[in-house]
C-alpha cells in the first residue's frame, strides 16, 4: 500500500521506503494511470515504464480482483497507488487489501502523507476521539440533517468529525456549516496540505462568519468539534 504526495512537487513528504519498494515493483493497481506513471517517473527518472504492468481501478466497478488473485498466485509483489495520499484511506484499495489478507499474502502499509491525519494534527481539535465521514450529502434536506447530526454527535461524545468535499463545492460546504452549526462550534478548514500554499485554520462558527473567506478550488478537509 503505497502513498502518493498530496500536493504536486512534494516528494519530500514520502518515506525512504517508498522509493526503495517502487524501484523494484513491476505490478501495480492504480486509481489513476496517468498519475501513477507520472509519480513513478518523478521518483525514478530512469525507470522503464513500459516494463511495468498496471491495472486501473474502475471508478464504478472497482478493481479487477481476478487480476489481483492471478498476480498473487504467480508470486508477484504488487503495489497499490491511490491518486493522492494513502490507498485504502478515503481512497480505493481496501478491497484489494482484504483479498490479499484472505489469500494469506503479506500486506505492507508504507508511510506517507494522509490529509485527514495531518489536518487533525494541526487543527487543535480532539485527536483522541474522531470520526471520518467521507462526503456528506450534496442536497438538502439530507445535507442539513447530516451536518446537524454530526454536530450533535460531536457534542455528545466530544468527538471531532472529519469530512471532505469536491473542490468546486468548498464554498457551498462552508456556507452550509455556518448556516446550520451553533456559534461556538469550532470549524477547521485544511486546504492543499503539504503544498507551499497550504492553509489550516480553526475558528468558531461565529468568528468564521465575521471573517468568511472565499475558498479556492483546492482539495480540502473540513473538521468540526462542538
Protein backbone atom coordinates (compact mmCIF):
# COMPACT_ATOMS: atom_id res chain seq x y z
CA UNK A 1 0.00 0.00 0.00
CA UNK A 2 1.95 2.98 -1.35
CA UNK A 3 1.16 6.63 -0.54
CA UNK A 4 1.48 9.37 -3.14
CA UNK A 5 2.16 13.04 -2.24
CA UNK A 6 -0.98 15.04 -1.56
CA UNK A 7 0.32 18.12 -3.35
CA UNK A 8 2.37 18.31 -6.55
CA UNK A 9 6.14 18.52 -6.19
CA UNK A 10 6.05 17.19 -2.61
CA UNK A 11 8.11 14.02 -2.92
CA UNK A 12 9.91 15.03 0.28
CA UNK A 13 6.80 14.05 2.24
CA UNK A 14 7.36 10.38 1.43
CA UNK A 15 9.46 7.96 3.44
CA UNK A 16 12.61 6.41 2.00
CA UNK A 17 10.93 3.00 1.95
CA UNK A 18 8.53 4.22 -0.76
CA UNK A 19 11.43 4.89 -3.13
CA UNK A 20 13.04 1.57 -2.21
CA UNK A 21 9.99 -0.59 -2.90
CA UNK A 22 8.79 1.20 -6.03
CA UNK A 23 12.21 0.78 -7.61
CA UNK A 24 11.63 -2.97 -7.79
CA UNK A 25 7.87 -3.39 -8.22
CA UNK A 26 6.59 -4.26 -11.70
CA UNK A 27 2.88 -4.87 -10.98
CA UNK A 28 0.50 -2.15 -9.79
CA UNK A 29 -3.13 -1.45 -9.11
CA UNK A 30 -3.68 2.28 -9.52
CA UNK A 31 -6.52 4.73 -9.06
CA UNK A 32 -5.36 6.83 -12.00
CA UNK A 33 -2.99 5.51 -14.64
CA UNK A 34 -1.65 8.91 -15.71
CA UNK A 35 -1.00 10.00 -12.12
CA UNK A 36 0.72 6.70 -11.33
CA UNK A 37 3.02 6.87 -14.33
CA UNK A 38 3.96 10.47 -13.59
CA UNK A 39 4.63 9.66 -9.95
CA UNK A 40 6.90 6.71 -10.72
CA UNK A 41 8.87 8.69 -13.33
CA UNK A 42 9.31 11.58 -10.89
CA UNK A 43 10.55 9.18 -8.23
CA UNK A 44 12.72 7.12 -10.59
CA UNK A 45 13.59 9.08 -13.76
CA UNK A 46 15.44 6.10 -15.29
CA UNK A 47 12.66 3.58 -14.75
CA UNK A 48 11.25 1.93 -17.91
CA UNK A 49 7.51 2.46 -17.57
CA UNK A 50 6.69 0.08 -20.43
CA UNK A 51 8.14 -2.77 -18.36
CA UNK A 52 5.51 -2.21 -15.67
CA UNK A 53 2.04 -3.76 -15.73
CA UNK A 54 -0.81 -1.58 -14.48
CA UNK A 55 -4.41 -2.40 -13.64
CA UNK A 56 -6.52 0.74 -13.26
CA UNK A 57 -9.22 0.68 -10.58
CA UNK A 58 -12.55 1.47 -12.24
CA UNK A 59 -14.44 4.31 -10.57
CA UNK A 60 -17.76 2.49 -10.78
CA UNK A 61 -16.91 -1.21 -10.74
CA UNK A 62 -13.82 -1.20 -8.56
CA UNK A 63 -10.62 -3.17 -9.10
CA UNK A 64 -10.13 -6.22 -11.29
CA UNK A 65 -9.92 -8.68 -8.42
CA UNK A 66 -9.32 -11.59 -10.78
CA UNK A 67 -6.08 -9.98 -11.93
CA UNK A 68 -5.02 -9.46 -8.32
CA UNK A 69 -5.60 -13.10 -7.49
CA UNK A 70 -3.69 -14.21 -10.60
CA UNK A 71 -0.73 -11.96 -9.84
CA UNK A 72 -0.62 -13.16 -6.23
CA UNK A 73 -0.78 -16.83 -7.28
CA UNK A 74 2.07 -16.18 -9.71
CA UNK A 75 4.14 -14.86 -6.81
CA UNK A 76 4.41 -11.23 -7.86
CA UNK A 77 4.92 -8.35 -5.45
CA UNK A 78 2.16 -5.82 -6.11
CA UNK A 79 1.86 -2.12 -5.38
CA UNK A 80 -1.38 -0.23 -4.80
CA UNK A 81 -1.34 3.50 -5.63
CA UNK A 82 -4.10 6.00 -5.00
CA UNK A 83 -4.22 9.35 -6.76
CA UNK A 84 -3.05 11.24 -3.65
CA UNK A 85 -2.48 10.31 -0.03
CA UNK A 86 -2.79 6.76 1.24
CA UNK A 87 -4.62 3.94 -0.58
CA UNK A 88 -7.48 2.46 1.41
CA UNK A 89 -7.99 5.66 3.43
CA UNK A 90 -10.68 7.79 1.74
CA UNK A 91 -9.33 6.25 -1.48
CA UNK A 92 -9.61 2.87 -3.26
CA UNK A 93 -7.52 -0.02 -2.01
CA UNK A 94 -9.34 -1.61 0.92
CA UNK A 95 -10.93 -4.29 -1.26
CA UNK A 96 -7.53 -5.28 -2.63
CA UNK A 97 -6.00 -5.44 0.85
CA UNK A 98 -8.91 -7.60 2.05
CA UNK A 99 -8.42 -10.11 -0.78
CA UNK A 100 -4.68 -10.23 -0.15
CA UNK A 101 -5.35 -10.87 3.54
CA UNK A 102 -7.76 -13.70 2.69
CA UNK A 103 -5.10 -15.24 0.45
CA UNK A 104 -2.54 -15.04 3.29
CA UNK A 105 -0.40 -12.55 1.38
CA UNK A 106 1.63 -10.06 3.40
CA UNK A 107 0.10 -6.59 3.21
CA UNK A 108 2.61 -3.82 3.97
CA UNK A 109 1.45 -0.21 4.50
CA UNK A 110 4.23 2.21 3.61
CA UNK A 111 4.39 5.51 5.46
CA UNK A 112 3.49 8.79 3.81
CA UNK A 113 1.17 11.78 3.96
CA UNK A 114 -2.51 11.46 4.81
CA UNK A 115 -4.56 14.64 4.64
CA UNK A 116 -7.02 13.53 7.32
CA UNK A 117 -4.37 12.89 9.97
CA UNK A 118 -2.30 15.94 9.04
CA UNK A 119 -5.38 18.18 9.21
CA UNK A 120 -6.32 16.74 12.60
CA UNK A 121 -2.79 17.21 13.91
CA UNK A 122 -2.79 20.92 13.08
CA UNK A 123 -6.43 21.70 13.88
CA UNK A 124 -6.20 21.88 17.65
CA UNK A 125 -9.35 19.75 17.85
CA UNK A 126 -9.77 16.45 19.69
CA UNK A 127 -7.27 13.91 18.37
CA UNK A 128 -8.19 11.27 20.96
CA UNK A 129 -11.67 10.67 19.56
CA UNK A 130 -12.51 11.41 15.94
CA UNK A 131 -14.57 10.06 13.06
CA UNK A 132 -14.13 10.37 9.29
CA UNK A 133 -17.43 10.64 7.43
CA UNK A 134 -16.34 10.81 3.80
CA UNK A 135 -18.54 13.02 1.62
CA UNK A 136 -21.72 14.49 3.06
CA UNK A 137 -24.95 14.56 1.02
CA UNK A 138 -24.90 17.21 -1.70
CA UNK A 139 -28.51 18.40 -1.48
CA UNK A 140 -30.97 19.39 1.21
CA UNK A 141 -32.70 18.27 3.29
CA UNK A 142 -30.25 15.37 3.64
CA UNK A 143 -27.24 17.71 3.78
CA UNK A 144 -28.51 19.95 6.58
CA UNK A 145 -29.70 16.92 8.56
CA UNK A 146 -26.26 15.34 8.22
CA UNK A 147 -24.45 18.46 9.41
CA UNK A 148 -26.74 18.84 12.42
CA UNK A 149 -26.40 15.15 13.28
CA UNK A 150 -22.60 15.35 13.15
CA UNK A 151 -22.61 18.41 15.38
CA UNK A 152 -24.86 16.65 17.90
CA UNK A 153 -22.66 13.56 17.86
CA UNK A 154 -19.57 15.73 18.31
CA UNK A 155 -21.10 17.50 21.29
CA UNK A 156 -22.33 14.29 22.89
CA UNK A 157 -19.05 12.38 22.52
CA UNK A 158 -16.58 15.30 22.43
CA UNK A 159 -15.57 13.78 19.12
CA UNK A 160 -14.01 15.57 16.16
CA UNK A 161 -15.95 14.97 12.94
CA UNK A 162 -13.99 14.99 9.66
CA UNK A 163 -15.37 15.10 6.13
CA UNK A 164 -14.28 16.12 2.65
CA UNK A 165 -15.84 17.86 -0.32
CA UNK A 166 -15.26 18.19 -4.05
CA UNK A 167 -13.09 21.33 -4.50
CA UNK A 168 -15.62 23.28 -6.57
CA UNK A 169 -18.18 22.85 -3.77
CA UNK A 170 -15.90 24.06 -0.96
CA UNK A 171 -17.67 27.40 -0.60
CA UNK A 172 -21.10 25.79 -0.56
CA UNK A 173 -19.90 23.47 2.22
CA UNK A 174 -18.63 26.39 4.27
CA UNK A 175 -21.92 28.26 3.74
CA UNK A 176 -23.92 25.28 4.98
CA UNK A 177 -21.69 24.73 8.01
CA UNK A 178 -22.03 28.36 9.06
CA UNK A 179 -25.77 28.22 8.46
CA UNK A 180 -26.54 25.05 10.41
CA UNK A 181 -23.92 24.88 13.19
CA UNK A 182 -24.01 26.61 16.58
CA UNK A 183 -21.93 29.81 17.05
CA UNK A 184 -19.47 28.19 19.49
CA UNK A 185 -18.81 25.09 17.38
CA UNK A 186 -15.24 25.07 16.10
CA UNK A 187 -14.64 24.51 12.42
CA UNK A 188 -11.26 23.79 10.84
CA UNK A 189 -10.67 24.17 7.11
CA UNK A 190 -7.50 22.49 5.86
CA UNK A 191 -6.64 23.12 2.21
CA UNK A 192 -3.90 21.84 -0.08
CA UNK A 193 -2.00 20.28 2.80
CA UNK A 194 1.81 19.95 2.32
CA UNK A 195 1.81 22.42 -0.60
CA UNK A 196 3.55 25.79 -0.45
CA UNK A 197 0.15 27.49 -0.26
CA UNK A 198 -1.29 25.13 2.35
CA UNK A 199 -3.80 26.61 4.77
CA UNK A 200 -5.09 25.09 8.02
CA UNK A 201 -7.28 27.40 10.08
CA UNK A 202 -9.59 26.72 13.05
CA UNK A 203 -12.17 29.21 14.34
CA UNK A 204 -15.61 29.17 15.88
CA UNK A 205 -18.61 29.46 13.61
CA UNK A 206 -19.21 32.96 14.96
CA UNK A 207 -15.67 34.02 14.06
CA UNK A 208 -15.83 32.41 10.60
CA UNK A 209 -18.95 34.46 9.93
CA UNK A 210 -17.05 37.65 10.78
CA UNK A 211 -14.11 36.70 8.53
CA UNK A 212 -15.68 34.48 5.91
CA UNK A 213 -13.12 33.60 3.22
CA UNK A 214 -13.61 32.75 -0.42
CA UNK A 215 -12.16 29.25 -0.59
CA UNK A 216 -10.02 28.20 -3.52
CA UNK A 217 -10.96 25.20 -5.66
CA UNK A 218 -8.34 23.08 -3.91
CA UNK A 219 -8.55 19.77 -2.00
CA UNK A 220 -9.94 20.43 1.47
CA UNK A 221 -10.66 18.62 4.70
CA UNK A 222 -13.34 20.02 7.00
CA UNK A 223 -13.26 19.30 10.74
CA UNK A 224 -15.92 20.07 13.32
CA UNK A 225 -15.90 19.98 17.12
CA UNK A 226 -18.94 21.14 19.06
